[in-house]
Amino acid sequence: MVKRSYIKLHESGELARRIQSILGLQVGCRLCPRRCGVDRLHGEKGMCNTGDLAVVCSYGPHFGEEQPLVGSGGSGTIFFGHCNLHCVFCQNYGTSHFPEGEGGLEASPSQLANVMLELQNRGCVNINFVTPSHVVGQILEALPEAIDRGLHLPLVYNTSGYDRLETLRLLDGIIDIYLPDFKFFSSKLARRYLKAPDYPRQARRAIREMYNQVGDIYLGENGTVDRGLMVRHLVMPGQVEDSENIIRWIAEELSKTIYLNLMDQYRPCGRAADFSEINHTLSSAEYRLVREAAVKHGLTNLDHRDLATLLNRMGGFD
C-alpha cells in the first residue's frame, strides 16, 4: 500500500505546522472569503455559526455520490453542520442554516478521529468531508490521532467552492480528492441566491488552485478515485446561459478532461418559494441544452449515472 502524502506530512512534522497555521486563521477568523473577524478559538461565531468545535450531523457509507467515489464499500461521508455560503435553495437547509445544525452534535478532535476510523473499518473507500470550508481547522486537528491509529484512505474535500486561497494552500498534500461545486458564474445571481456576490471570482480562484494541486482524476487499483479534481454543477431553472459560462471557463481556463458532473436534480428547497423564478423543477429541455454545451466545448469526462448499479448498491434490487 502506497503511503499517502498526509501521512508523510505528519511524520515530518509539517502537518503539525499546517494545523497551527490553520488555527491561526480562526483568530479574527479569515478562514473563508467571508472574513468575519471573530475569535472562533474562544467560541465566537460568525456567518457559519461555528465556534471552536465542528458540528457533525451524520456520517456513514454513502452510495449516491459519483460512481468513481463509491466503489463497493461506499464513500465514507461526514456531514458537517452549518455552512459559510447560505444558499436560499439548499437541500440541507435545516443543517446548514440553523444555529443548532439540526440533529448535529459538537465533536472533539478525538471524536472526529473515531468517526474517520469507524468509516474505514466499515469498508468505505475514502473519507468524504461534506461542507468542510468552515471546519478545516477541526478536521486537521483530528488527523494526527487518526493517522497514528491507522487511517490510510484518500481524503475528499466536498465543498461549495466558496474557499479562500490561503486556506487551500495549507491543504496541499493533505487532501487527495477535491470535489467542489461551481454554482454560479454571474455575481448578480450569486448575490441573489447565495448572499455572496464575490462567489464566482472566489470559486474560479479556488477551483484553479485545487486543480493545480491534484490535477485530473487518477483511479487506483480498486477502480475508485485515488486523487484528482471532480467538479459538480447543479443546473438551475432558467439559467442555461450561466451554466454554459461555467462550462466554457472550465474548458478554456482549466482542462477539457476535468471530471464534470452536470446535476439535474434541482428541486425547490429551503427558501426557494420566496423566489418565483426558481420555485419549480428543472425542465428536461434545459438540462439537455447544458449537456449539449459541454459537448460543444469539448469536455470529454462527463459524469454518467448508472441507475441500475446505483439502486443495486443501495439495496433497491434483489
C-alpha atoms as a PDB file:
ATOM      1  CA  MET A   1       0.000   0.000   0.000  1.00  0.00           C
ATOM      2  CA  VAL A   2       1.401   3.400  -1.037  1.00  0.00           C
ATOM      3  CA  LYS A   3       1.887   5.771   1.892  1.00  0.00           C
ATOM      4  CA  ARG A   4      -0.345   8.822   1.496  1.00  0.00           C
ATOM      5  CA  SER A   5       1.107  12.288   1.390  1.00  0.00           C
ATOM      6  CA  TYR A   6      -0.780  13.409   4.504  1.00  0.00           C
ATOM      7  CA  ILE A   7       0.860  10.558   6.453  1.00  0.00           C
ATOM      8  CA  LYS A   8       4.301  11.685   5.267  1.00  0.00           C
ATOM      9  CA  LEU A   9       3.480  15.272   6.288  1.00  0.00           C
ATOM     10  CA  HIS A  10       2.521  14.013   9.748  1.00  0.00           C
ATOM     11  CA  GLU A  11       5.727  12.022  10.125  1.00  0.00           C
ATOM     12  CA  SER A  12       7.862  15.001   9.086  1.00  0.00           C
ATOM     13  CA  GLY A  13       6.155  17.424  11.477  1.00  0.00           C
ATOM     14  CA  GLU A  14       4.797  19.525   8.599  1.00  0.00           C
ATOM     15  CA  LEU A  15       1.184  18.564   9.381  1.00  0.00           C
ATOM     16  CA  ALA A  16       1.550  19.978  12.902  1.00  0.00           C
ATOM     17  CA  ARG A  17       2.826  23.248  11.427  1.00  0.00           C
ATOM     18  CA  ARG A  18      -0.097  23.398   8.996  1.00  0.00           C
ATOM     19  CA  ILE A  19      -2.551  22.827  11.851  1.00  0.00           C
ATOM     20  CA  GLN A  20      -1.151  25.791  13.764  1.00  0.00           C
ATOM     21  CA  SER A  21      -1.342  27.967  10.642  1.00  0.00           C
ATOM     22  CA  ILE A  22      -4.976  26.977  10.019  1.00  0.00           C
ATOM     23  CA  LEU A  23      -5.949  27.573  13.649  1.00  0.00           C
ATOM     24  CA  GLY A  24      -4.255  30.954  13.417  1.00  0.00           C
ATOM     25  CA  LEU A  25      -6.686  31.873  10.653  1.00  0.00           C
ATOM     26  CA  GLN A  26      -9.567  31.283  13.084  1.00  0.00           C
ATOM     27  CA  VAL A  27      -8.380  34.042  15.434  1.00  0.00           C
ATOM     28  CA  GLY A  28     -10.009  37.074  13.877  1.00  0.00           C
ATOM     29  CA  CYS A  29     -11.449  34.483  11.501  1.00  0.00           C
ATOM     30  CA  ARG A  30     -10.325  34.749   7.910  1.00  0.00           C
ATOM     31  CA  LEU A  31     -10.579  31.054   7.101  1.00  0.00           C
ATOM     32  CA  CYS A  32     -13.031  31.600   4.217  1.00  0.00           C
ATOM     33  CA  PRO A  33     -13.908  34.532   1.938  1.00  0.00           C
ATOM     34  CA  ARG A  34     -16.444  35.866   4.482  1.00  0.00           C
ATOM     35  CA  ARG A  35     -13.537  37.019   6.707  1.00  0.00           C
ATOM     36  CA  CYS A  36     -15.904  37.544   9.669  1.00  0.00           C
ATOM     37  CA  GLY A  37     -13.099  38.502  12.064  1.00  0.00           C
ATOM     38  CA  VAL A  38     -14.483  36.644  15.111  1.00  0.00           C
ATOM     39  CA  ASP A  39     -12.290  34.681  17.543  1.00  0.00           C
ATOM     40  CA  ARG A  40     -13.537  31.167  16.889  1.00  0.00           C
ATOM     41  CA  LEU A  41     -10.873  29.538  19.039  1.00  0.00           C
ATOM     42  CA  HIS A  42     -12.659  31.113  22.027  1.00  0.00           C
ATOM     43  CA  GLY A  43     -16.159  30.184  20.893  1.00  0.00           C
ATOM     44  CA  GLU A  44     -17.174  33.283  18.947  1.00  0.00           C
ATOM     45  CA  LYS A  45     -19.309  32.589  15.873  1.00  0.00           C
ATOM     46  CA  GLY A  46     -19.575  34.377  12.545  1.00  0.00           C
ATOM     47  CA  MET A  47     -21.581  33.682   9.387  1.00  0.00           C
ATOM     48  CA  CYS A  48     -21.005  29.923   9.660  1.00  0.00           C
ATOM     49  CA  ASN A  49     -22.405  29.698  13.223  1.00  0.00           C
ATOM     50  CA  THR A  50     -19.454  27.502  14.246  1.00  0.00           C
ATOM     51  CA  GLY A  51     -17.062  28.141  17.104  1.00  0.00           C
ATOM     52  CA  ASP A  52     -14.112  26.029  18.193  1.00  0.00           C
ATOM     53  CA  LEU A  53     -15.744  22.614  17.648  1.00  0.00           C
ATOM     54  CA  ALA A  54     -17.170  21.116  14.451  1.00  0.00           C
ATOM     55  CA  VAL A  55     -20.808  20.018  14.411  1.00  0.00           C
ATOM     56  CA  VAL A  56     -21.316  16.556  12.903  1.00  0.00           C
ATOM     57  CA  CYS A  57     -24.878  15.942  11.716  1.00  0.00           C
ATOM     58  CA  SER A  58     -24.442  12.418  10.342  1.00  0.00           C
ATOM     59  CA  TYR A  59     -21.889  10.023   8.909  1.00  0.00           C
ATOM     60  CA  GLY A  60     -21.793   6.675   7.136  1.00  0.00           C
ATOM     61  CA  PRO A  61     -21.162   4.869   3.836  1.00  0.00           C
ATOM     62  CA  HIS A  62     -22.837   6.805   1.011  1.00  0.00           C
ATOM     63  CA  PHE A  63     -23.662   5.207  -2.335  1.00  0.00           C
ATOM     64  CA  GLY A  64     -25.249   8.206  -4.027  1.00  0.00           C
ATOM     65  CA  GLU A  65     -22.012  10.008  -4.863  1.00  0.00           C
ATOM     66  CA  GLU A  66     -20.335   9.910  -8.267  1.00  0.00           C
ATOM     67  CA  GLN A  67     -19.612   6.310  -9.226  1.00  0.00           C
ATOM     68  CA  PRO A  68     -15.785   6.636  -9.111  1.00  0.00           C
ATOM     69  CA  LEU A  69     -16.081   7.787  -5.483  1.00  0.00           C
ATOM     70  CA  VAL A  70     -18.265   4.919  -4.302  1.00  0.00           C
ATOM     71  CA  GLY A  71     -16.670   1.564  -5.110  1.00  0.00           C
ATOM     72  CA  SER A  72     -18.014  -1.498  -3.329  1.00  0.00           C
ATOM     73  CA  GLY A  73     -17.896  -0.025   0.181  1.00  0.00           C
ATOM     74  CA  GLY A  74     -19.339   3.428  -0.385  1.00  0.00           C
ATOM     75  CA  SER A  75     -17.895   6.871   0.191  1.00  0.00           C
ATOM     76  CA  GLY A  76     -17.314   7.496   3.902  1.00  0.00           C
ATOM     77  CA  THR A  77     -19.238  10.738   4.235  1.00  0.00           C
ATOM     78  CA  ILE A  78     -19.122  13.023   7.274  1.00  0.00           C
ATOM     79  CA  PHE A  79     -21.842  15.692   7.045  1.00  0.00           C
ATOM     80  CA  PHE A  80     -20.907  18.822   8.961  1.00  0.00           C
ATOM     81  CA  GLY A  81     -23.493  21.220  10.327  1.00  0.00           C
ATOM     82  CA  HIS A  82     -23.701  24.862   9.250  1.00  0.00           C
ATOM     83  CA  CYS A  83     -22.153  26.465   6.172  1.00  0.00           C
ATOM     84  CA  ASN A  84     -20.335  29.607   5.100  1.00  0.00           C
ATOM     85  CA  LEU A  85     -22.444  30.162   1.971  1.00  0.00           C
ATOM     86  CA  HIS A  86     -26.201  30.243   2.817  1.00  0.00           C
ATOM     87  CA  CYS A  87     -27.818  29.191  -0.479  1.00  0.00           C
ATOM     88  CA  VAL A  88     -31.519  30.030  -0.370  1.00  0.00           C
ATOM     89  CA  PHE A  89     -32.324  26.747  -2.190  1.00  0.00           C
ATOM     90  CA  CYS A  90     -30.131  24.470  -0.037  1.00  0.00           C
ATOM     91  CA  GLN A  91     -31.321  20.861   0.002  1.00  0.00           C
ATOM     92  CA  ASN A  92     -29.930  20.524   3.544  1.00  0.00           C
ATOM     93  CA  TYR A  93     -31.412  23.787   4.804  1.00  0.00           C
ATOM     94  CA  GLY A  94     -32.020  22.516   8.335  1.00  0.00           C
ATOM     95  CA  THR A  95     -28.398  21.545   8.914  1.00  0.00           C
ATOM     96  CA  SER A  96     -26.779  24.457   7.086  1.00  0.00           C
ATOM     97  CA  HIS A  97     -28.815  27.492   8.151  1.00  0.00           C
ATOM     98  CA  PHE A  98     -29.980  26.940  11.721  1.00  0.00           C
ATOM     99  CA  PRO A  99     -27.757  27.735  14.719  1.00  0.00           C
ATOM    100  CA  GLU A 100     -28.134  24.262  16.204  1.00  0.00           C
ATOM    101  CA  GLY A 101     -27.247  22.458  12.968  1.00  0.00           C
ATOM    102  CA  GLU A 102     -30.440  20.394  13.104  1.00  0.00           C
ATOM    103  CA  GLY A 103     -29.677  16.998  14.596  1.00  0.00           C
ATOM    104  CA  GLY A 104     -25.959  17.657  14.907  1.00  0.00           C
ATOM    105  CA  LEU A 105     -23.556  17.256  17.820  1.00  0.00           C
ATOM    106  CA  GLU A 106     -20.304  19.043  18.534  1.00  0.00           C
ATOM    107  CA  ALA A 107     -17.325  16.721  18.093  1.00  0.00           C
ATOM    108  CA  SER A 108     -13.890  16.956  19.680  1.00  0.00           C
ATOM    109  CA  PRO A 109     -10.833  16.151  17.541  1.00  0.00           C
ATOM    110  CA  SER A 110     -10.649  12.701  19.144  1.00  0.00           C
ATOM    111  CA  GLN A 111     -14.322  12.022  18.411  1.00  0.00           C
ATOM    112  CA  LEU A 112     -13.857  13.121  14.813  1.00  0.00           C
ATOM    113  CA  ALA A 113     -10.846  10.804  14.508  1.00  0.00           C
ATOM    114  CA  ASN A 114     -13.043   7.971  15.827  1.00  0.00           C
ATOM    115  CA  VAL A 115     -15.590   8.692  13.076  1.00  0.00           C
ATOM    116  CA  MET A 116     -12.940   8.527  10.335  1.00  0.00           C
ATOM    117  CA  LEU A 117     -11.597   5.216  11.642  1.00  0.00           C
ATOM    118  CA  GLU A 118     -15.079   3.738  12.010  1.00  0.00           C
ATOM    119  CA  LEU A 119     -15.825   4.567   8.361  1.00  0.00           C
ATOM    120  CA  GLN A 120     -12.530   2.987   7.298  1.00  0.00           C
ATOM    121  CA  ASN A 121     -13.270  -0.125   9.357  1.00  0.00           C
ATOM    122  CA  ARG A 122     -16.725  -0.376   7.742  1.00  0.00           C
ATOM    123  CA  GLY A 123     -15.094  -0.747   4.320  1.00  0.00           C
ATOM    124  CA  CYS A 124     -15.542   2.762   2.908  1.00  0.00           C
ATOM    125  CA  VAL A 125     -13.158   3.651   0.078  1.00  0.00           C
ATOM    126  CA  ASN A 126     -12.454   7.241   1.165  1.00  0.00           C
ATOM    127  CA  ILE A 127     -13.226   9.787   3.887  1.00  0.00           C
ATOM    128  CA  ASN A 128     -15.545  12.401   2.417  1.00  0.00           C
ATOM    129  CA  PHE A 129     -15.758  15.698   4.326  1.00  0.00           C
ATOM    130  CA  VAL A 130     -19.069  17.287   3.281  1.00  0.00           C
ATOM    131  CA  THR A 131     -19.257  21.102   3.697  1.00  0.00           C
ATOM    132  CA  PRO A 132     -15.772  21.409   5.225  1.00  0.00           C
ATOM    133  CA  SER A 133     -14.810  25.009   4.368  1.00  0.00           C
ATOM    134  CA  HIS A 134     -15.628  26.410   7.823  1.00  0.00           C
ATOM    135  CA  VAL A 135     -14.228  23.450   9.814  1.00  0.00           C
ATOM    136  CA  VAL A 136     -10.842  22.929   8.136  1.00  0.00           C
ATOM    137  CA  GLY A 137      -9.048  23.518  11.431  1.00  0.00           C
ATOM    138  CA  GLN A 138     -11.162  20.962  13.285  1.00  0.00           C
ATOM    139  CA  ILE A 139     -10.605  18.368  10.546  1.00  0.00           C
ATOM    140  CA  LEU A 140      -6.846  18.864  10.606  1.00  0.00           C
ATOM    141  CA  GLU A 141      -6.741  18.711  14.405  1.00  0.00           C
ATOM    142  CA  ALA A 142      -8.315  15.243  14.209  1.00  0.00           C
ATOM    143  CA  LEU A 143      -5.901  13.866  11.604  1.00  0.00           C
ATOM    144  CA  PRO A 144      -2.793  13.160  13.735  1.00  0.00           C
ATOM    145  CA  GLU A 145      -4.680  10.828  16.083  1.00  0.00           C
ATOM    146  CA  ALA A 146      -6.473   9.174  13.154  1.00  0.00           C
ATOM    147  CA  ILE A 147      -3.164   8.641  11.330  1.00  0.00           C
ATOM    148  CA  ASP A 148      -1.456   7.254  14.430  1.00  0.00           C
ATOM    149  CA  ARG A 149      -4.332   4.764  14.738  1.00  0.00           C
ATOM    150  CA  GLY A 150      -4.077   3.601  11.121  1.00  0.00           C
ATOM    151  CA  LEU A 151      -6.029   5.967   8.849  1.00  0.00           C
ATOM    152  CA  HIS A 152      -4.846   5.498   5.270  1.00  0.00           C
ATOM    153  CA  LEU A 153      -7.817   6.261   2.968  1.00  0.00           C
ATOM    154  CA  PRO A 154      -7.956   9.106   0.416  1.00  0.00           C
ATOM    155  CA  LEU A 155      -9.400  12.318   1.862  1.00  0.00           C
ATOM    156  CA  VAL A 156     -12.170  14.091  -0.071  1.00  0.00           C
ATOM    157  CA  TYR A 157     -12.844  17.840   0.275  1.00  0.00           C
ATOM    158  CA  ASN A 158     -16.520  18.115  -0.735  1.00  0.00           C
ATOM    159  CA  THR A 159     -17.131  21.868  -0.869  1.00  0.00           C
ATOM    160  CA  SER A 160     -19.449  24.580  -2.167  1.00  0.00           C
ATOM    161  CA  GLY A 161     -16.441  26.177  -3.847  1.00  0.00           C
ATOM    162  CA  TYR A 162     -16.529  29.227  -1.566  1.00  0.00           C
ATOM    163  CA  ASP A 163     -12.985  28.732  -0.301  1.00  0.00           C
ATOM    164  CA  ARG A 164     -10.061  31.045   0.350  1.00  0.00           C
ATOM    165  CA  LEU A 165      -6.732  30.540  -1.411  1.00  0.00           C
ATOM    166  CA  GLU A 166      -4.673  30.924   1.773  1.00  0.00           C
ATOM    167  CA  THR A 167      -6.618  28.078   3.383  1.00  0.00           C
ATOM    168  CA  LEU A 168      -6.476  25.813   0.331  1.00  0.00           C
ATOM    169  CA  ARG A 169      -2.719  26.221   0.009  1.00  0.00           C
ATOM    170  CA  LEU A 170      -2.348  24.881   3.549  1.00  0.00           C
ATOM    171  CA  LEU A 171      -4.251  21.761   2.412  1.00  0.00           C
ATOM    172  CA  ASP A 172      -1.802  20.966  -0.396  1.00  0.00           C
ATOM    173  CA  GLY A 173      -0.605  17.391   0.120  1.00  0.00           C
ATOM    174  CA  ILE A 174      -3.302  16.701   2.727  1.00  0.00           C
ATOM    175  CA  ILE A 175      -6.386  16.496   0.510  1.00  0.00           C
ATOM    176  CA  ASP A 176      -6.303  13.777  -2.148  1.00  0.00           C
ATOM    177  CA  ILE A 177      -9.594  14.495  -3.940  1.00  0.00           C
ATOM    178  CA  TYR A 178     -11.247  17.875  -4.361  1.00  0.00           C
ATOM    179  CA  LEU A 179     -15.000  17.831  -5.061  1.00  0.00           C
ATOM    180  CA  PRO A 180     -16.151  21.455  -5.425  1.00  0.00           C
ATOM    181  CA  ASP A 181     -19.445  22.808  -6.639  1.00  0.00           C
ATOM    182  CA  PHE A 182     -19.361  25.617  -9.171  1.00  0.00           C
ATOM    183  CA  LYS A 183     -22.772  27.152  -8.582  1.00  0.00           C
ATOM    184  CA  PHE A 184     -22.921  30.436 -10.492  1.00  0.00           C
ATOM    185  CA  PHE A 185     -20.774  32.382 -12.921  1.00  0.00           C
ATOM    186  CA  SER A 186     -22.804  35.579 -12.510  1.00  0.00           C
ATOM    187  CA  SER A 187     -22.154  37.751  -9.456  1.00  0.00           C
ATOM    188  CA  LYS A 188     -25.722  39.035  -9.748  1.00  0.00           C
ATOM    189  CA  LEU A 189     -27.099  35.511  -9.329  1.00  0.00           C
ATOM    190  CA  ALA A 190     -24.644  34.796  -6.525  1.00  0.00           C
ATOM    191  CA  ARG A 191     -25.760  37.910  -4.676  1.00  0.00           C
ATOM    192  CA  ARG A 192     -29.428  36.980  -5.026  1.00  0.00           C
ATOM    193  CA  TYR A 193     -29.242  33.292  -4.132  1.00  0.00           C
ATOM    194  CA  LEU A 194     -26.050  32.933  -2.036  1.00  0.00           C
ATOM    195  CA  LYS A 195     -25.654  36.340  -0.357  1.00  0.00           C
ATOM    196  CA  ALA A 196     -22.140  36.278  -1.778  1.00  0.00           C
ATOM    197  CA  PRO A 197     -21.606  38.455  -4.871  1.00  0.00           C
ATOM    198  CA  ASP A 198     -17.905  37.515  -4.834  1.00  0.00           C
ATOM    199  CA  TYR A 199     -18.705  33.798  -5.108  1.00  0.00           C
ATOM    200  CA  PRO A 200     -17.929  33.425  -8.859  1.00  0.00           C
ATOM    201  CA  ARG A 201     -14.493  35.041  -8.504  1.00  0.00           C
ATOM    202  CA  GLN A 202     -13.651  33.099  -5.354  1.00  0.00           C
ATOM    203  CA  ALA A 203     -14.848  29.798  -6.870  1.00  0.00           C
ATOM    204  CA  ARG A 204     -12.757  30.292 -10.018  1.00  0.00           C
ATOM    205  CA  ARG A 205      -9.644  31.002  -7.960  1.00  0.00           C
ATOM    206  CA  ALA A 206     -10.338  28.095  -5.599  1.00  0.00           C
ATOM    207  CA  ILE A 207     -11.032  25.538  -8.313  1.00  0.00           C
ATOM    208  CA  ARG A 208      -7.924  26.573 -10.226  1.00  0.00           C
ATOM    209  CA  GLU A 209      -5.842  26.096  -7.067  1.00  0.00           C
ATOM    210  CA  MET A 210      -7.433  22.683  -6.456  1.00  0.00           C
ATOM    211  CA  TYR A 211      -6.602  21.622  -9.998  1.00  0.00           C
ATOM    212  CA  ASN A 212      -3.027  22.829  -9.624  1.00  0.00           C
ATOM    213  CA  GLN A 213      -2.682  20.668  -6.518  1.00  0.00           C
ATOM    214  CA  VAL A 214      -4.210  17.381  -7.693  1.00  0.00           C
ATOM    215  CA  GLY A 215      -4.849  17.539 -11.476  1.00  0.00           C
ATOM    216  CA  ASP A 216      -7.253  15.250 -13.331  1.00  0.00           C
ATOM    217  CA  ILE A 217      -8.648  12.202 -11.570  1.00  0.00           C
ATOM    218  CA  TYR A 218      -6.475   9.142 -11.170  1.00  0.00           C
ATOM    219  CA  LEU A 219      -8.086   5.760 -10.485  1.00  0.00           C
ATOM    220  CA  GLY A 220      -6.459   3.380  -8.032  1.00  0.00           C
ATOM    221  CA  GLU A 221      -6.233  -0.389  -8.210  1.00  0.00           C
ATOM    222  CA  ASN A 222      -9.812  -0.826  -6.977  1.00  0.00           C
ATOM    223  CA  GLY A 223     -11.200   1.380  -9.756  1.00  0.00           C
ATOM    224  CA  THR A 224     -12.147   4.281  -7.480  1.00  0.00           C
ATOM    225  CA  VAL A 225     -10.652   7.761  -7.486  1.00  0.00           C
ATOM    226  CA  ASP A 226      -7.341   7.917  -5.662  1.00  0.00           C
ATOM    227  CA  ARG A 227      -6.516  11.535  -6.449  1.00  0.00           C
ATOM    228  CA  GLY A 228      -7.771  14.436  -8.553  1.00  0.00           C
ATOM    229  CA  LEU A 229     -10.372  17.138  -9.125  1.00  0.00           C
ATOM    230  CA  MET A 230     -14.057  16.407  -9.727  1.00  0.00           C
ATOM    231  CA  VAL A 231     -16.352  19.392 -10.346  1.00  0.00           C
ATOM    232  CA  ARG A 232     -20.096  19.486  -9.750  1.00  0.00           C
ATOM    233  CA  HIS A 233     -22.554  21.949 -11.232  1.00  0.00           C
ATOM    234  CA  LEU A 234     -26.232  21.957 -10.271  1.00  0.00           C
ATOM    235  CA  VAL A 235     -28.149  23.176 -13.321  1.00  0.00           C
ATOM    236  CA  MET A 236     -30.729  25.754 -12.201  1.00  0.00           C
ATOM    237  CA  PRO A 237     -34.083  26.598 -13.817  1.00  0.00           C
ATOM    238  CA  GLY A 238     -33.797  29.470 -16.265  1.00  0.00           C
ATOM    239  CA  GLN A 239     -30.002  29.652 -16.080  1.00  0.00           C
ATOM    240  CA  VAL A 240     -28.780  27.793 -19.170  1.00  0.00           C
ATOM    241  CA  GLU A 241     -26.577  30.726 -20.165  1.00  0.00           C
ATOM    242  CA  ASP A 242     -24.909  30.871 -16.753  1.00  0.00           C
ATOM    243  CA  SER A 243     -24.272  27.117 -16.882  1.00  0.00           C
ATOM    244  CA  GLU A 244     -22.672  27.454 -20.314  1.00  0.00           C
ATOM    245  CA  ASN A 245     -20.403  30.221 -18.993  1.00  0.00           C
ATOM    246  CA  ILE A 246     -19.163  27.833 -16.295  1.00  0.00           C
ATOM    247  CA  ILE A 247     -18.604  25.085 -18.871  1.00  0.00           C
ATOM    248  CA  ARG A 248     -16.726  27.463 -21.176  1.00  0.00           C
ATOM    249  CA  TRP A 249     -14.473  28.628 -18.336  1.00  0.00           C
ATOM    250  CA  ILE A 250     -13.608  25.048 -17.352  1.00  0.00           C
ATOM    251  CA  ALA A 251     -12.836  24.082 -20.953  1.00  0.00           C
ATOM    252  CA  GLU A 252     -10.799  27.189 -21.785  1.00  0.00           C
ATOM    253  CA  GLU A 253      -9.104  28.019 -18.483  1.00  0.00           C
ATOM    254  CA  LEU A 254      -8.548  24.608 -16.861  1.00  0.00           C
ATOM    255  CA  SER A 255      -8.823  21.440 -18.923  1.00  0.00           C
ATOM    256  CA  LYS A 256     -11.202  19.660 -21.260  1.00  0.00           C
ATOM    257  CA  THR A 257     -10.502  16.410 -19.401  1.00  0.00           C
ATOM    258  CA  ILE A 258     -11.753  17.511 -15.966  1.00  0.00           C
ATOM    259  CA  TYR A 259     -14.375  15.180 -14.484  1.00  0.00           C
ATOM    260  CA  LEU A 260     -17.597  17.216 -14.536  1.00  0.00           C
ATOM    261  CA  ASN A 261     -20.936  16.205 -13.047  1.00  0.00           C
ATOM    262  CA  LEU A 262     -23.788  18.244 -14.519  1.00  0.00           C
ATOM    263  CA  MET A 263     -26.547  17.599 -11.991  1.00  0.00           C
ATOM    264  CA  ASP A 264     -30.211  17.681 -12.991  1.00  0.00           C
ATOM    265  CA  GLN A 265     -31.838  17.025  -9.605  1.00  0.00           C
ATOM    266  CA  TYR A 266     -32.718  20.603  -8.640  1.00  0.00           C
ATOM    267  CA  ARG A 267     -35.939  20.910  -6.675  1.00  0.00           C
ATOM    268  CA  PRO A 268     -37.235  23.866  -4.636  1.00  0.00           C
ATOM    269  CA  CYS A 269     -35.957  23.581  -1.061  1.00  0.00           C
ATOM    270  CA  GLY A 270     -35.200  25.945   1.786  1.00  0.00           C
ATOM    271  CA  ARG A 271     -36.441  29.425   0.895  1.00  0.00           C
ATOM    272  CA  ALA A 272     -36.805  28.776  -2.853  1.00  0.00           C
ATOM    273  CA  ALA A 273     -40.528  29.503  -2.582  1.00  0.00           C
ATOM    274  CA  ASP A 274     -39.602  33.156  -1.978  1.00  0.00           C
ATOM    275  CA  PHE A 275     -38.055  33.308  -5.468  1.00  0.00           C
ATOM    276  CA  SER A 276     -40.694  32.525  -8.081  1.00  0.00           C
ATOM    277  CA  GLU A 277     -38.164  32.019 -10.890  1.00  0.00           C
ATOM    278  CA  ILE A 278     -36.593  29.019  -9.096  1.00  0.00           C
ATOM    279  CA  ASN A 279     -39.704  27.727  -7.328  1.00  0.00           C
ATOM    280  CA  HIS A 280     -40.064  24.830  -9.756  1.00  0.00           C
ATOM    281  CA  THR A 281     -38.009  21.910 -11.023  1.00  0.00           C
ATOM    282  CA  LEU A 282     -35.574  21.980 -13.930  1.00  0.00           C
ATOM    283  CA  SER A 283     -37.001  21.108 -17.351  1.00  0.00           C
ATOM    284  CA  SER A 284     -35.507  18.257 -19.345  1.00  0.00           C
ATOM    285  CA  ALA A 285     -35.058  20.645 -22.292  1.00  0.00           C
ATOM    286  CA  GLU A 286     -32.907  22.997 -20.208  1.00  0.00           C
ATOM    287  CA  TYR A 287     -30.756  20.160 -18.944  1.00  0.00           C
ATOM    288  CA  ARG A 288     -30.307  18.815 -22.477  1.00  0.00           C
ATOM    289  CA  LEU A 289     -29.080  22.223 -23.670  1.00  0.00           C
ATOM    290  CA  VAL A 290     -26.471  22.322 -20.896  1.00  0.00           C
ATOM    291  CA  ARG A 291     -25.232  18.800 -21.692  1.00  0.00           C
ATOM    292  CA  GLU A 292     -25.002  19.760 -25.358  1.00  0.00           C
ATOM    293  CA  ALA A 293     -22.994  22.844 -24.386  1.00  0.00           C
ATOM    294  CA  ALA A 294     -20.481  20.649 -22.563  1.00  0.00           C
ATOM    295  CA  VAL A 295     -20.037  18.508 -25.656  1.00  0.00           C
ATOM    296  CA  LYS A 296     -19.766  21.607 -27.853  1.00  0.00           C
ATOM    297  CA  HIS A 297     -16.955  22.985 -25.698  1.00  0.00           C
ATOM    298  CA  GLY A 298     -15.061  19.708 -25.921  1.00  0.00           C
ATOM    299  CA  LEU A 299     -15.407  18.373 -22.362  1.00  0.00           C
ATOM    300  CA  THR A 300     -14.685  14.660 -22.566  1.00  0.00           C
ATOM    301  CA  ASN A 301     -15.081  13.409 -18.981  1.00  0.00           C
ATOM    302  CA  LEU A 302     -18.733  13.978 -18.088  1.00  0.00           C
ATOM    303  CA  ASP A 303     -20.334  12.019 -15.266  1.00  0.00           C
ATOM    304  CA  HIS A 304     -22.757   9.313 -16.397  1.00  0.00           C
ATOM    305  CA  ARG A 305     -25.046   7.821 -13.774  1.00  0.00           C
ATOM    306  CA  ASP A 306     -25.729   4.089 -13.997  1.00  0.00           C
ATOM    307  CA  LEU A 307     -29.121   3.995 -12.259  1.00  0.00           C
ATOM    308  CA  ALA A 308     -29.358   0.202 -12.127  1.00  0.00           C
ATOM    309  CA  THR A 309     -25.953  -0.097 -10.448  1.00  0.00           C
ATOM    310  CA  LEU A 310     -26.794   2.715  -8.020  1.00  0.00           C
ATOM    311  CA  LEU A 311     -30.089   1.128  -6.961  1.00  0.00           C
ATOM    312  CA  ASN A 312     -28.450  -2.250  -6.590  1.00  0.00           C
ATOM    313  CA  ARG A 313     -25.781  -0.840  -4.271  1.00  0.00           C
ATOM    314  CA  MET A 314     -28.461   0.893  -2.197  1.00  0.00           C
ATOM    315  CA  GLY A 315     -30.457  -2.335  -1.834  1.00  0.00           C
ATOM    316  CA  GLY A 316     -33.118  -1.469  -4.393  1.00  0.00           C
ATOM    317  CA  PHE A 317     -32.746  -4.702  -6.365  1.00  0.00           C
ATOM    318  CA  ASP A 318     -32.617  -8.301  -5.175  1.00  0.00           C
END
